N, C-alpha and C. Protein backbone atom coordinates (compact mmCIF):
# COMPACT_ATOMS: atom_id res chain seq x y z
N MET A 1 24.65 6.94 -2.09
CA MET A 1 23.64 7.07 -3.13
C MET A 1 22.26 7.13 -2.50
N THR A 2 21.40 8.00 -2.99
CA THR A 2 20.07 8.19 -2.42
C THR A 2 19.16 7.04 -2.82
N ASN A 3 18.43 6.51 -1.85
CA ASN A 3 17.46 5.46 -2.13
C ASN A 3 16.19 6.07 -2.71
N THR A 4 15.54 5.32 -3.59
CA THR A 4 14.30 5.76 -4.23
C THR A 4 13.16 4.83 -3.85
N ALA A 5 12.02 5.43 -3.48
CA ALA A 5 10.82 4.67 -3.15
C ALA A 5 9.65 5.15 -3.99
N LEU A 6 8.81 4.21 -4.40
CA LEU A 6 7.54 4.50 -5.05
C LEU A 6 6.43 4.09 -4.08
N ILE A 7 5.59 5.04 -3.71
CA ILE A 7 4.52 4.79 -2.74
C ILE A 7 3.18 5.10 -3.39
N THR A 8 2.27 4.13 -3.35
CA THR A 8 0.92 4.36 -3.86
C THR A 8 0.00 4.76 -2.70
N GLY A 9 -1.08 5.45 -3.04
CA GLY A 9 -1.98 5.92 -2.00
C GLY A 9 -1.30 6.88 -1.06
N ALA A 10 -0.49 7.79 -1.62
CA ALA A 10 0.43 8.60 -0.81
C ALA A 10 -0.13 9.95 -0.40
N SER A 11 -1.37 10.24 -0.73
CA SER A 11 -1.90 11.58 -0.44
C SER A 11 -2.51 11.70 0.95
N ARG A 12 -2.73 10.57 1.63
CA ARG A 12 -3.31 10.62 2.98
C ARG A 12 -3.04 9.31 3.71
N GLY A 13 -3.43 9.27 4.98
CA GLY A 13 -3.32 8.04 5.76
C GLY A 13 -1.90 7.55 5.91
N LEU A 14 -1.74 6.23 5.88
CA LEU A 14 -0.43 5.62 6.08
C LEU A 14 0.53 5.98 4.96
N GLY A 15 0.05 6.06 3.73
CA GLY A 15 0.93 6.41 2.62
C GLY A 15 1.58 7.76 2.81
N LEU A 16 0.79 8.74 3.23
CA LEU A 16 1.32 10.08 3.49
C LEU A 16 2.29 10.06 4.67
N ALA A 17 1.91 9.37 5.73
CA ALA A 17 2.77 9.31 6.91
C ALA A 17 4.11 8.65 6.60
N LEU A 18 4.09 7.57 5.81
CA LEU A 18 5.34 6.91 5.44
C LEU A 18 6.17 7.79 4.52
N ALA A 19 5.52 8.49 3.60
CA ALA A 19 6.25 9.40 2.72
C ALA A 19 6.98 10.47 3.54
N ARG A 20 6.30 11.02 4.53
CA ARG A 20 6.94 12.02 5.38
C ARG A 20 8.12 11.43 6.14
N SER A 21 7.95 10.22 6.65
CA SER A 21 9.02 9.58 7.40
C SER A 21 10.24 9.30 6.52
N LEU A 22 10.00 8.74 5.34
CA LEU A 22 11.11 8.43 4.44
C LEU A 22 11.79 9.70 3.92
N ALA A 23 10.99 10.73 3.66
CA ALA A 23 11.58 12.01 3.22
C ALA A 23 12.51 12.56 4.28
N GLY A 24 12.12 12.41 5.54
CA GLY A 24 12.97 12.85 6.64
C GLY A 24 14.26 12.06 6.71
N GLY A 25 14.25 10.84 6.16
CA GLY A 25 15.44 10.00 6.13
C GLY A 25 16.26 10.18 4.87
N GLY A 26 15.90 11.15 4.04
CA GLY A 26 16.69 11.45 2.85
C GLY A 26 16.34 10.66 1.61
N TRP A 27 15.20 9.95 1.63
CA TRP A 27 14.81 9.17 0.46
C TRP A 27 14.33 10.07 -0.67
N ASN A 28 14.57 9.63 -1.90
CA ASN A 28 13.96 10.21 -3.08
C ASN A 28 12.62 9.53 -3.29
N LEU A 29 11.53 10.30 -3.41
CA LEU A 29 10.19 9.72 -3.44
C LEU A 29 9.46 10.01 -4.73
N VAL A 30 8.82 8.97 -5.25
CA VAL A 30 7.85 9.11 -6.33
C VAL A 30 6.51 8.67 -5.75
N LEU A 31 5.54 9.58 -5.77
CA LEU A 31 4.27 9.36 -5.08
C LEU A 31 3.12 9.36 -6.06
N THR A 32 2.15 8.49 -5.78
CA THR A 32 0.96 8.48 -6.61
C THR A 32 -0.29 8.31 -5.76
N ALA A 33 -1.39 8.85 -6.27
CA ALA A 33 -2.72 8.72 -5.66
C ALA A 33 -3.71 9.26 -6.68
N ARG A 34 -4.99 9.00 -6.44
CA ARG A 34 -5.99 9.46 -7.40
C ARG A 34 -6.27 10.96 -7.27
N GLY A 35 -6.19 11.49 -6.06
CA GLY A 35 -6.49 12.91 -5.85
C GLY A 35 -5.31 13.79 -6.20
N ALA A 36 -5.36 14.40 -7.39
CA ALA A 36 -4.20 15.15 -7.89
C ALA A 36 -3.86 16.35 -7.01
N ASP A 37 -4.85 17.10 -6.57
CA ASP A 37 -4.57 18.31 -5.79
C ASP A 37 -3.88 17.97 -4.47
N ASP A 38 -4.43 16.99 -3.75
CA ASP A 38 -3.82 16.59 -2.48
C ASP A 38 -2.41 16.05 -2.71
N LEU A 39 -2.25 15.27 -3.75
CA LEU A 39 -0.93 14.67 -4.04
C LEU A 39 0.09 15.74 -4.37
N GLU A 40 -0.30 16.72 -5.14
CA GLU A 40 0.63 17.80 -5.50
C GLU A 40 1.06 18.57 -4.25
N ARG A 41 0.14 18.78 -3.33
CA ARG A 41 0.50 19.48 -2.08
C ARG A 41 1.51 18.66 -1.28
N VAL A 42 1.29 17.36 -1.20
CA VAL A 42 2.22 16.50 -0.47
C VAL A 42 3.59 16.51 -1.13
N ALA A 43 3.61 16.40 -2.44
CA ALA A 43 4.89 16.38 -3.17
C ALA A 43 5.64 17.69 -2.97
N ALA A 44 4.92 18.80 -2.99
CA ALA A 44 5.57 20.09 -2.77
C ALA A 44 6.14 20.18 -1.36
N GLU A 45 5.42 19.66 -0.40
CA GLU A 45 5.88 19.65 1.00
C GLU A 45 7.16 18.84 1.16
N LEU A 46 7.23 17.72 0.46
CA LEU A 46 8.32 16.76 0.69
C LEU A 46 9.42 16.82 -0.36
N GLY A 47 9.26 17.66 -1.38
CA GLY A 47 10.24 17.67 -2.45
C GLY A 47 10.23 16.39 -3.26
N ALA A 48 9.04 15.80 -3.41
CA ALA A 48 8.88 14.53 -4.09
C ALA A 48 8.32 14.73 -5.49
N THR A 49 8.31 13.66 -6.26
CA THR A 49 7.69 13.66 -7.58
C THR A 49 6.28 13.13 -7.47
N ALA A 50 5.31 13.89 -7.96
CA ALA A 50 3.90 13.48 -7.93
C ALA A 50 3.48 13.00 -9.30
N ILE A 51 2.89 11.80 -9.35
CA ILE A 51 2.33 11.27 -10.60
C ILE A 51 0.92 10.80 -10.28
N PRO A 52 -0.06 11.70 -10.34
CA PRO A 52 -1.42 11.32 -9.99
C PRO A 52 -2.02 10.35 -11.00
N GLY A 53 -2.90 9.50 -10.50
CA GLY A 53 -3.56 8.55 -11.38
C GLY A 53 -4.10 7.37 -10.60
N ASP A 54 -4.76 6.48 -11.32
CA ASP A 54 -5.41 5.31 -10.72
C ASP A 54 -4.55 4.08 -11.00
N VAL A 55 -4.18 3.36 -9.96
CA VAL A 55 -3.29 2.20 -10.13
C VAL A 55 -3.95 1.05 -10.88
N THR A 56 -5.25 1.11 -11.07
CA THR A 56 -5.91 0.07 -11.88
C THR A 56 -5.81 0.36 -13.38
N ASP A 57 -5.25 1.50 -13.74
CA ASP A 57 -5.10 1.90 -15.14
C ASP A 57 -3.73 1.43 -15.64
N PRO A 58 -3.70 0.49 -16.59
CA PRO A 58 -2.40 -0.03 -17.07
C PRO A 58 -1.48 1.07 -17.59
N ALA A 59 -2.03 2.09 -18.22
CA ALA A 59 -1.19 3.18 -18.72
C ALA A 59 -0.54 3.94 -17.58
N HIS A 60 -1.25 4.07 -16.46
CA HIS A 60 -0.68 4.74 -15.30
C HIS A 60 0.43 3.89 -14.69
N VAL A 61 0.22 2.60 -14.63
CA VAL A 61 1.26 1.69 -14.11
C VAL A 61 2.53 1.84 -14.96
N GLU A 62 2.37 1.92 -16.27
CA GLU A 62 3.52 2.10 -17.16
C GLU A 62 4.23 3.42 -16.88
N ARG A 63 3.45 4.48 -16.66
CA ARG A 63 4.06 5.79 -16.35
C ARG A 63 4.88 5.70 -15.06
N LEU A 64 4.33 5.05 -14.07
CA LEU A 64 5.04 4.92 -12.79
C LEU A 64 6.34 4.14 -12.97
N ALA A 65 6.28 3.04 -13.70
CA ALA A 65 7.48 2.23 -13.90
C ALA A 65 8.57 3.00 -14.65
N ARG A 66 8.16 3.79 -15.65
CA ARG A 66 9.15 4.59 -16.39
C ARG A 66 9.78 5.65 -15.50
N ALA A 67 9.06 6.10 -14.49
CA ALA A 67 9.57 7.16 -13.60
C ALA A 67 10.59 6.64 -12.60
N VAL A 68 10.69 5.31 -12.46
CA VAL A 68 11.61 4.74 -11.46
C VAL A 68 12.50 3.68 -12.09
N PRO A 69 13.37 4.08 -13.04
CA PRO A 69 14.28 3.10 -13.64
C PRO A 69 15.24 2.52 -12.60
N GLU A 70 15.48 3.28 -11.54
CA GLU A 70 16.22 2.76 -10.38
C GLU A 70 15.28 2.82 -9.19
N LEU A 71 15.06 1.67 -8.55
CA LEU A 71 14.05 1.61 -7.49
C LEU A 71 14.51 0.68 -6.37
N ASP A 72 14.48 1.22 -5.16
CA ASP A 72 14.87 0.44 -3.98
C ASP A 72 13.68 -0.08 -3.18
N LEU A 73 12.52 0.57 -3.34
CA LEU A 73 11.37 0.20 -2.51
C LEU A 73 10.07 0.51 -3.24
N LEU A 74 9.21 -0.49 -3.33
CA LEU A 74 7.85 -0.31 -3.82
C LEU A 74 6.90 -0.55 -2.65
N VAL A 75 6.05 0.44 -2.38
CA VAL A 75 5.05 0.31 -1.31
C VAL A 75 3.66 0.31 -1.93
N ASN A 76 3.03 -0.86 -1.95
CA ASN A 76 1.66 -0.99 -2.44
C ASN A 76 0.72 -0.72 -1.27
N ASN A 77 0.39 0.55 -1.11
CA ASN A 77 -0.46 0.99 -0.01
C ASN A 77 -1.87 1.35 -0.47
N ALA A 78 -2.02 1.77 -1.71
CA ALA A 78 -3.33 2.16 -2.21
C ALA A 78 -4.30 0.98 -2.14
N SER A 79 -5.47 1.23 -1.59
CA SER A 79 -6.49 0.18 -1.56
C SER A 79 -7.86 0.81 -1.41
N ASP A 80 -8.87 -0.01 -1.67
CA ASP A 80 -10.24 0.44 -1.59
C ASP A 80 -10.96 -0.39 -0.52
N LEU A 81 -11.89 0.22 0.17
CA LEU A 81 -12.66 -0.46 1.20
C LEU A 81 -13.76 -1.32 0.60
N GLY A 82 -14.27 -0.89 -0.54
CA GLY A 82 -15.40 -1.59 -1.14
C GLY A 82 -16.70 -0.91 -0.78
N VAL A 83 -17.77 -1.66 -0.84
CA VAL A 83 -19.11 -1.13 -0.60
C VAL A 83 -19.27 -0.70 0.85
N THR A 84 -19.83 0.49 1.06
CA THR A 84 -20.19 0.93 2.41
C THR A 84 -21.65 1.39 2.39
N PRO A 85 -22.38 1.18 3.50
CA PRO A 85 -21.99 0.43 4.69
C PRO A 85 -21.58 -1.01 4.32
N LEU A 86 -20.66 -1.56 5.11
CA LEU A 86 -20.10 -2.87 4.80
C LEU A 86 -21.21 -3.93 4.76
N PRO A 87 -21.39 -4.59 3.61
CA PRO A 87 -22.49 -5.55 3.48
C PRO A 87 -22.06 -6.98 3.79
N PRO A 88 -23.01 -7.83 4.18
CA PRO A 88 -22.68 -9.26 4.33
C PRO A 88 -22.38 -9.87 2.97
N LEU A 89 -21.65 -10.96 2.97
CA LEU A 89 -21.30 -11.60 1.71
C LEU A 89 -22.53 -12.08 0.95
N ALA A 90 -23.60 -12.43 1.68
CA ALA A 90 -24.81 -12.92 1.02
C ALA A 90 -25.38 -11.90 0.05
N GLY A 91 -25.12 -10.63 0.31
CA GLY A 91 -25.66 -9.60 -0.57
C GLY A 91 -24.60 -8.72 -1.20
N TYR A 92 -23.34 -9.18 -1.20
CA TYR A 92 -22.27 -8.33 -1.74
C TYR A 92 -22.42 -8.22 -3.26
N PRO A 93 -22.51 -7.00 -3.78
CA PRO A 93 -22.64 -6.83 -5.24
C PRO A 93 -21.41 -7.36 -5.97
N LEU A 94 -21.59 -8.29 -6.87
CA LEU A 94 -20.45 -8.97 -7.47
C LEU A 94 -19.63 -8.03 -8.35
N GLU A 95 -20.27 -7.08 -8.98
CA GLU A 95 -19.52 -6.12 -9.80
C GLU A 95 -18.58 -5.30 -8.92
N ALA A 96 -19.09 -4.90 -7.75
CA ALA A 96 -18.26 -4.13 -6.81
C ALA A 96 -17.14 -5.00 -6.26
N PHE A 97 -17.42 -6.29 -6.05
CA PHE A 97 -16.38 -7.20 -5.55
C PHE A 97 -15.26 -7.34 -6.58
N SER A 98 -15.62 -7.46 -7.84
CA SER A 98 -14.61 -7.56 -8.89
C SER A 98 -13.75 -6.30 -8.94
N ALA A 99 -14.38 -5.13 -8.78
CA ALA A 99 -13.64 -3.87 -8.79
C ALA A 99 -12.70 -3.79 -7.59
N LEU A 100 -13.15 -4.32 -6.45
CA LEU A 100 -12.31 -4.32 -5.24
C LEU A 100 -11.07 -5.18 -5.45
N LEU A 101 -11.25 -6.34 -6.05
CA LEU A 101 -10.10 -7.20 -6.33
C LEU A 101 -9.14 -6.54 -7.32
N GLU A 102 -9.69 -5.81 -8.27
CA GLU A 102 -8.86 -5.11 -9.26
C GLU A 102 -7.94 -4.10 -8.57
N THR A 103 -8.49 -3.37 -7.60
CA THR A 103 -7.70 -2.35 -6.91
C THR A 103 -6.74 -2.95 -5.90
N ASN A 104 -7.21 -3.92 -5.12
CA ASN A 104 -6.45 -4.40 -3.96
C ASN A 104 -5.53 -5.58 -4.26
N VAL A 105 -5.73 -6.24 -5.40
CA VAL A 105 -4.91 -7.41 -5.73
C VAL A 105 -4.22 -7.27 -7.09
N THR A 106 -5.03 -7.04 -8.13
CA THR A 106 -4.45 -7.00 -9.47
C THR A 106 -3.52 -5.81 -9.65
N ALA A 107 -3.91 -4.65 -9.16
CA ALA A 107 -3.07 -3.46 -9.34
C ALA A 107 -1.72 -3.60 -8.64
N PRO A 108 -1.66 -4.08 -7.38
CA PRO A 108 -0.35 -4.29 -6.77
C PRO A 108 0.52 -5.27 -7.56
N LEU A 109 -0.09 -6.34 -8.08
CA LEU A 109 0.68 -7.29 -8.88
C LEU A 109 1.19 -6.63 -10.15
N ALA A 110 0.35 -5.82 -10.79
CA ALA A 110 0.78 -5.13 -12.01
C ALA A 110 1.98 -4.23 -11.73
N LEU A 111 1.96 -3.54 -10.60
CA LEU A 111 3.09 -2.66 -10.26
C LEU A 111 4.34 -3.47 -9.94
N VAL A 112 4.16 -4.58 -9.26
CA VAL A 112 5.31 -5.46 -8.99
C VAL A 112 5.92 -5.92 -10.31
N GLN A 113 5.09 -6.40 -11.21
CA GLN A 113 5.59 -6.88 -12.50
C GLN A 113 6.34 -5.78 -13.25
N ALA A 114 5.78 -4.57 -13.21
CA ALA A 114 6.36 -3.47 -13.99
C ALA A 114 7.68 -2.98 -13.41
N THR A 115 7.85 -3.11 -12.10
CA THR A 115 9.05 -2.57 -11.45
C THR A 115 10.06 -3.61 -11.03
N LEU A 116 9.75 -4.88 -11.24
CA LEU A 116 10.67 -5.94 -10.80
C LEU A 116 12.07 -5.83 -11.39
N PRO A 117 12.23 -5.49 -12.66
CA PRO A 117 13.60 -5.37 -13.16
C PRO A 117 14.43 -4.37 -12.36
N ALA A 118 13.84 -3.22 -12.03
CA ALA A 118 14.56 -2.21 -11.25
C ALA A 118 14.80 -2.70 -9.82
N LEU A 119 13.80 -3.37 -9.23
CA LEU A 119 13.95 -3.87 -7.87
C LEU A 119 15.01 -4.98 -7.80
N ARG A 120 15.02 -5.86 -8.78
CA ARG A 120 16.04 -6.92 -8.82
C ARG A 120 17.43 -6.32 -8.91
N SER A 121 17.58 -5.32 -9.78
CA SER A 121 18.88 -4.70 -9.99
C SER A 121 19.40 -4.06 -8.71
N ALA A 122 18.50 -3.48 -7.93
CA ALA A 122 18.90 -2.79 -6.71
C ALA A 122 18.93 -3.69 -5.48
N GLY A 123 18.46 -4.92 -5.63
CA GLY A 123 18.28 -5.75 -4.45
C GLY A 123 17.28 -5.09 -3.51
N GLY A 124 16.21 -4.60 -4.10
CA GLY A 124 15.25 -3.77 -3.38
C GLY A 124 14.22 -4.56 -2.60
N ALA A 125 13.12 -3.88 -2.26
CA ALA A 125 12.10 -4.47 -1.40
C ALA A 125 10.71 -4.04 -1.85
N VAL A 126 9.75 -4.91 -1.55
CA VAL A 126 8.34 -4.64 -1.78
C VAL A 126 7.62 -4.69 -0.45
N VAL A 127 6.82 -3.68 -0.16
CA VAL A 127 5.94 -3.68 1.01
C VAL A 127 4.50 -3.69 0.50
N ASN A 128 3.77 -4.73 0.84
CA ASN A 128 2.35 -4.82 0.51
C ASN A 128 1.55 -4.65 1.79
N ILE A 129 0.72 -3.61 1.85
CA ILE A 129 -0.05 -3.33 3.05
C ILE A 129 -1.32 -4.19 3.05
N THR A 130 -1.45 -5.02 4.09
CA THR A 130 -2.60 -5.91 4.18
C THR A 130 -3.46 -5.50 5.39
N SER A 131 -4.03 -6.47 6.09
CA SER A 131 -4.96 -6.15 7.16
C SER A 131 -5.24 -7.39 7.97
N ASP A 132 -5.62 -7.20 9.24
CA ASP A 132 -6.03 -8.37 10.02
C ASP A 132 -7.35 -8.92 9.49
N ALA A 133 -8.07 -8.14 8.67
CA ALA A 133 -9.28 -8.65 8.03
C ALA A 133 -8.97 -9.76 7.02
N ALA A 134 -7.69 -9.93 6.67
CA ALA A 134 -7.30 -11.01 5.76
C ALA A 134 -7.44 -12.37 6.41
N THR A 135 -7.40 -12.42 7.73
CA THR A 135 -7.46 -13.70 8.44
C THR A 135 -8.58 -13.77 9.46
N GLY A 136 -9.12 -12.62 9.89
CA GLY A 136 -10.17 -12.62 10.90
C GLY A 136 -11.55 -12.66 10.27
N ALA A 137 -12.47 -13.36 10.93
CA ALA A 137 -13.84 -13.48 10.42
C ALA A 137 -14.69 -12.34 10.98
N TYR A 138 -14.52 -11.16 10.41
CA TYR A 138 -15.24 -9.97 10.88
C TYR A 138 -16.46 -9.73 10.00
N GLU A 139 -17.62 -9.72 10.61
CA GLU A 139 -18.86 -9.54 9.84
C GLU A 139 -18.82 -8.23 9.06
N GLY A 140 -19.16 -8.32 7.79
CA GLY A 140 -19.17 -7.16 6.92
C GLY A 140 -17.86 -6.90 6.20
N TRP A 141 -16.81 -7.53 6.67
CA TRP A 141 -15.48 -7.28 6.09
C TRP A 141 -15.07 -8.36 5.08
N GLY A 142 -16.02 -9.16 4.62
CA GLY A 142 -15.68 -10.27 3.74
C GLY A 142 -15.05 -9.86 2.42
N GLY A 143 -15.60 -8.82 1.79
CA GLY A 143 -15.04 -8.38 0.52
C GLY A 143 -13.63 -7.84 0.67
N TYR A 144 -13.47 -6.89 1.56
CA TYR A 144 -12.15 -6.29 1.80
C TYR A 144 -11.17 -7.36 2.30
N GLY A 145 -11.62 -8.18 3.25
CA GLY A 145 -10.75 -9.20 3.82
C GLY A 145 -10.30 -10.22 2.78
N ALA A 146 -11.20 -10.60 1.90
CA ALA A 146 -10.83 -11.56 0.85
C ALA A 146 -9.76 -10.97 -0.07
N SER A 147 -9.89 -9.69 -0.38
CA SER A 147 -8.90 -9.05 -1.24
C SER A 147 -7.54 -8.99 -0.56
N LYS A 148 -7.53 -8.72 0.73
CA LYS A 148 -6.26 -8.65 1.46
C LYS A 148 -5.66 -10.04 1.68
N ALA A 149 -6.51 -11.05 1.83
CA ALA A 149 -6.00 -12.43 1.94
C ALA A 149 -5.31 -12.82 0.63
N ALA A 150 -5.90 -12.44 -0.48
CA ALA A 150 -5.28 -12.72 -1.78
C ALA A 150 -3.94 -11.99 -1.91
N LEU A 151 -3.89 -10.75 -1.43
CA LEU A 151 -2.64 -9.99 -1.50
C LEU A 151 -1.57 -10.64 -0.62
N GLU A 152 -1.97 -11.17 0.52
CA GLU A 152 -1.00 -11.85 1.39
C GLU A 152 -0.41 -13.08 0.70
N GLN A 153 -1.26 -13.90 0.07
CA GLN A 153 -0.75 -15.10 -0.58
C GLN A 153 0.08 -14.75 -1.81
N LEU A 154 -0.33 -13.71 -2.53
CA LEU A 154 0.47 -13.23 -3.65
C LEU A 154 1.87 -12.85 -3.15
N SER A 155 1.92 -12.15 -2.03
CA SER A 155 3.20 -11.73 -1.45
C SER A 155 4.04 -12.93 -1.03
N ASN A 156 3.38 -13.90 -0.43
CA ASN A 156 4.04 -15.11 0.05
C ASN A 156 4.74 -15.85 -1.09
N VAL A 157 4.04 -15.99 -2.19
CA VAL A 157 4.61 -16.68 -3.35
C VAL A 157 5.69 -15.82 -4.01
N LEU A 158 5.45 -14.52 -4.10
CA LEU A 158 6.46 -13.63 -4.68
C LEU A 158 7.78 -13.73 -3.91
N ALA A 159 7.69 -13.81 -2.59
CA ALA A 159 8.90 -13.94 -1.78
C ALA A 159 9.67 -15.22 -2.11
N ALA A 160 8.93 -16.30 -2.38
CA ALA A 160 9.59 -17.56 -2.73
C ALA A 160 10.21 -17.50 -4.12
N GLU A 161 9.55 -16.77 -5.02
CA GLU A 161 10.02 -16.73 -6.41
C GLU A 161 11.12 -15.70 -6.64
N GLU A 162 11.22 -14.71 -5.76
CA GLU A 162 12.19 -13.62 -5.95
C GLU A 162 13.11 -13.50 -4.73
N PRO A 163 14.02 -14.46 -4.55
CA PRO A 163 14.87 -14.45 -3.36
C PRO A 163 15.80 -13.25 -3.27
N GLY A 164 16.04 -12.58 -4.40
CA GLY A 164 16.92 -11.41 -4.38
C GLY A 164 16.23 -10.12 -3.99
N VAL A 165 14.91 -10.19 -3.80
CA VAL A 165 14.12 -9.02 -3.43
C VAL A 165 13.43 -9.31 -2.10
N ARG A 166 13.50 -8.39 -1.16
CA ARG A 166 12.76 -8.53 0.08
C ARG A 166 11.27 -8.26 -0.18
N VAL A 167 10.41 -9.10 0.36
CA VAL A 167 8.96 -8.92 0.24
C VAL A 167 8.35 -9.02 1.63
N TRP A 168 7.74 -7.94 2.07
CA TRP A 168 7.08 -7.94 3.38
C TRP A 168 5.61 -7.61 3.18
N TRP A 169 4.73 -8.46 3.73
CA TRP A 169 3.30 -8.13 3.72
C TRP A 169 2.95 -7.74 5.15
N VAL A 170 2.49 -6.52 5.27
CA VAL A 170 2.46 -5.84 6.56
C VAL A 170 1.02 -5.54 7.00
N ASP A 171 0.66 -6.05 8.18
CA ASP A 171 -0.61 -5.70 8.81
C ASP A 171 -0.36 -4.53 9.74
N PRO A 172 -0.85 -3.33 9.39
CA PRO A 172 -0.55 -2.15 10.20
C PRO A 172 -1.43 -2.00 11.43
N GLY A 173 -2.48 -2.82 11.54
CA GLY A 173 -3.43 -2.65 12.63
C GLY A 173 -4.40 -1.51 12.33
N GLU A 174 -5.33 -1.28 13.25
CA GLU A 174 -6.30 -0.20 13.04
C GLU A 174 -5.63 1.15 13.18
N MET A 175 -5.88 2.01 12.20
CA MET A 175 -5.30 3.35 12.20
C MET A 175 -6.41 4.39 12.04
N ASN A 176 -6.18 5.57 12.56
CA ASN A 176 -7.14 6.65 12.45
C ASN A 176 -7.03 7.26 11.05
N THR A 177 -7.73 6.65 10.11
CA THR A 177 -7.71 7.08 8.72
C THR A 177 -9.14 7.29 8.22
N ARG A 178 -9.24 7.94 7.09
CA ARG A 178 -10.56 8.15 6.48
C ARG A 178 -11.20 6.83 6.12
N MET A 179 -10.39 5.85 5.68
CA MET A 179 -10.94 4.55 5.31
C MET A 179 -11.60 3.88 6.51
N LEU A 180 -10.91 3.90 7.66
CA LEU A 180 -11.50 3.27 8.84
C LEU A 180 -12.75 4.03 9.27
N ALA A 181 -12.72 5.35 9.18
CA ALA A 181 -13.90 6.14 9.54
C ALA A 181 -15.08 5.80 8.64
N ASP A 182 -14.81 5.56 7.36
CA ASP A 182 -15.88 5.17 6.44
C ASP A 182 -16.48 3.83 6.82
N ALA A 183 -15.65 2.97 7.44
CA ALA A 183 -16.11 1.63 7.79
C ALA A 183 -16.83 1.57 9.13
N VAL A 184 -16.29 2.26 10.13
CA VAL A 184 -16.80 2.10 11.50
C VAL A 184 -17.32 3.38 12.13
N GLY A 185 -17.15 4.50 11.44
CA GLY A 185 -17.59 5.78 11.98
C GLY A 185 -16.43 6.59 12.51
N THR A 186 -16.61 7.90 12.48
CA THR A 186 -15.53 8.82 12.86
C THR A 186 -15.12 8.66 14.31
N GLU A 187 -16.09 8.49 15.20
CA GLU A 187 -15.77 8.42 16.63
C GLU A 187 -14.91 7.21 16.96
N GLU A 188 -15.28 6.05 16.45
CA GLU A 188 -14.49 4.84 16.72
C GLU A 188 -13.12 4.93 16.06
N ALA A 189 -13.06 5.47 14.86
CA ALA A 189 -11.79 5.58 14.15
C ALA A 189 -10.82 6.50 14.89
N ALA A 190 -11.36 7.52 15.55
CA ALA A 190 -10.50 8.48 16.26
C ALA A 190 -9.72 7.84 17.39
N ALA A 191 -10.21 6.70 17.88
CA ALA A 191 -9.52 6.00 18.97
C ALA A 191 -8.41 5.09 18.47
N ALA A 192 -8.29 4.93 17.16
CA ALA A 192 -7.28 4.03 16.59
C ALA A 192 -5.91 4.72 16.56
N THR A 193 -4.91 3.96 16.19
CA THR A 193 -3.52 4.43 16.21
C THR A 193 -3.27 5.51 15.17
N ASP A 194 -2.45 6.47 15.53
CA ASP A 194 -2.01 7.52 14.61
C ASP A 194 -1.17 6.88 13.50
N PRO A 195 -1.50 7.11 12.23
CA PRO A 195 -0.70 6.53 11.14
C PRO A 195 0.78 6.89 11.22
N ALA A 196 1.12 8.03 11.81
CA ALA A 196 2.52 8.41 11.92
C ALA A 196 3.31 7.43 12.77
N LYS A 197 2.68 6.88 13.81
CA LYS A 197 3.36 5.89 14.66
C LYS A 197 3.60 4.60 13.88
N VAL A 198 2.60 4.20 13.10
CA VAL A 198 2.76 3.00 12.28
C VAL A 198 3.84 3.23 11.22
N ALA A 199 3.85 4.42 10.63
CA ALA A 199 4.85 4.73 9.61
C ALA A 199 6.26 4.68 10.18
N ALA A 200 6.44 5.14 11.41
CA ALA A 200 7.76 5.09 12.04
C ALA A 200 8.23 3.65 12.20
N ALA A 201 7.31 2.78 12.62
CA ALA A 201 7.66 1.36 12.77
C ALA A 201 7.96 0.72 11.42
N LEU A 202 7.21 1.12 10.40
CA LEU A 202 7.45 0.59 9.06
C LEU A 202 8.78 1.08 8.50
N HIS A 203 9.11 2.32 8.77
CA HIS A 203 10.41 2.87 8.36
C HIS A 203 11.54 2.07 9.01
N ASP A 204 11.40 1.74 10.29
CA ASP A 204 12.40 0.92 10.98
C ASP A 204 12.53 -0.45 10.32
N LEU A 205 11.40 -1.04 9.95
CA LEU A 205 11.42 -2.35 9.28
C LEU A 205 12.19 -2.25 7.97
N ILE A 206 11.90 -1.23 7.18
CA ILE A 206 12.57 -1.06 5.89
C ILE A 206 14.08 -0.90 6.09
N GLY A 207 14.46 -0.16 7.12
CA GLY A 207 15.87 0.05 7.38
C GLY A 207 16.60 -1.20 7.87
N SER A 208 15.90 -2.04 8.61
CA SER A 208 16.55 -3.24 9.18
C SER A 208 16.60 -4.40 8.19
N ARG A 209 15.76 -4.36 7.16
CA ARG A 209 15.76 -5.36 6.09
C ARG A 209 15.75 -6.81 6.59
N PRO A 210 14.73 -7.18 7.36
CA PRO A 210 14.64 -8.58 7.77
C PRO A 210 14.31 -9.48 6.57
N ALA A 211 14.34 -10.78 6.79
CA ALA A 211 13.97 -11.71 5.72
C ALA A 211 12.53 -11.47 5.29
N SER A 212 12.23 -11.84 4.07
CA SER A 212 10.85 -11.71 3.58
C SER A 212 9.87 -12.42 4.50
N GLY A 213 8.67 -11.86 4.63
CA GLY A 213 7.67 -12.52 5.45
C GLY A 213 6.57 -11.58 5.88
N LYS A 214 5.63 -12.14 6.63
CA LYS A 214 4.52 -11.35 7.16
C LYS A 214 4.96 -10.60 8.40
N VAL A 215 4.53 -9.35 8.50
CA VAL A 215 4.90 -8.49 9.62
C VAL A 215 3.64 -7.86 10.20
N SER A 216 3.48 -7.93 11.50
CA SER A 216 2.37 -7.26 12.17
C SER A 216 2.90 -6.08 12.95
N LEU A 217 2.34 -4.90 12.70
CA LEU A 217 2.76 -3.68 13.40
C LEU A 217 1.74 -3.29 14.45
N GLN A 218 0.82 -4.20 14.78
CA GLN A 218 -0.20 -3.88 15.78
C GLN A 218 0.41 -3.81 17.18
């Protein structure tokens, strides 16, 4: 039987790289991202189902859940960097901070809640993409790091509450993505790891199904 995965933020970066890797392994994919044109191109390339939209929209979360009545893997990869240039916490705009938490914490939880019945039925898995900024004191990264720290603890508790579902919160390390370029500049980002290499390691993790827990792919 073909495994089904739902991947958010699938139009570029790690989400796209993982989608390509899983498609090569014969997975059935349901992909979402805000950029409809890019997402449609990816779906056409991979033979996947594209459902464009914003994961902070409850109606979109409902659409995604209805599209995966059988689900083996949920990958919460979509996230926002927040305000750029990265500001110190002393001046972080609180409205922007609330929006960041909505995207990076509340939306992944909403998707987990919406898809848990299917994941429980399949004995499936959840991958929540976090960051070393969740634990490191990096100047300017307070907003993003706080959101990822919350996602890590959410994952930690979910793993305790849902023993029949694998839950991995994964620090992929620095990758050459548009998000990193927005944070540190194109030149520095170009020296980071190719997302395809990280996706291959993540694919191996998904296939080996270790116990729930934090995973570093750095």
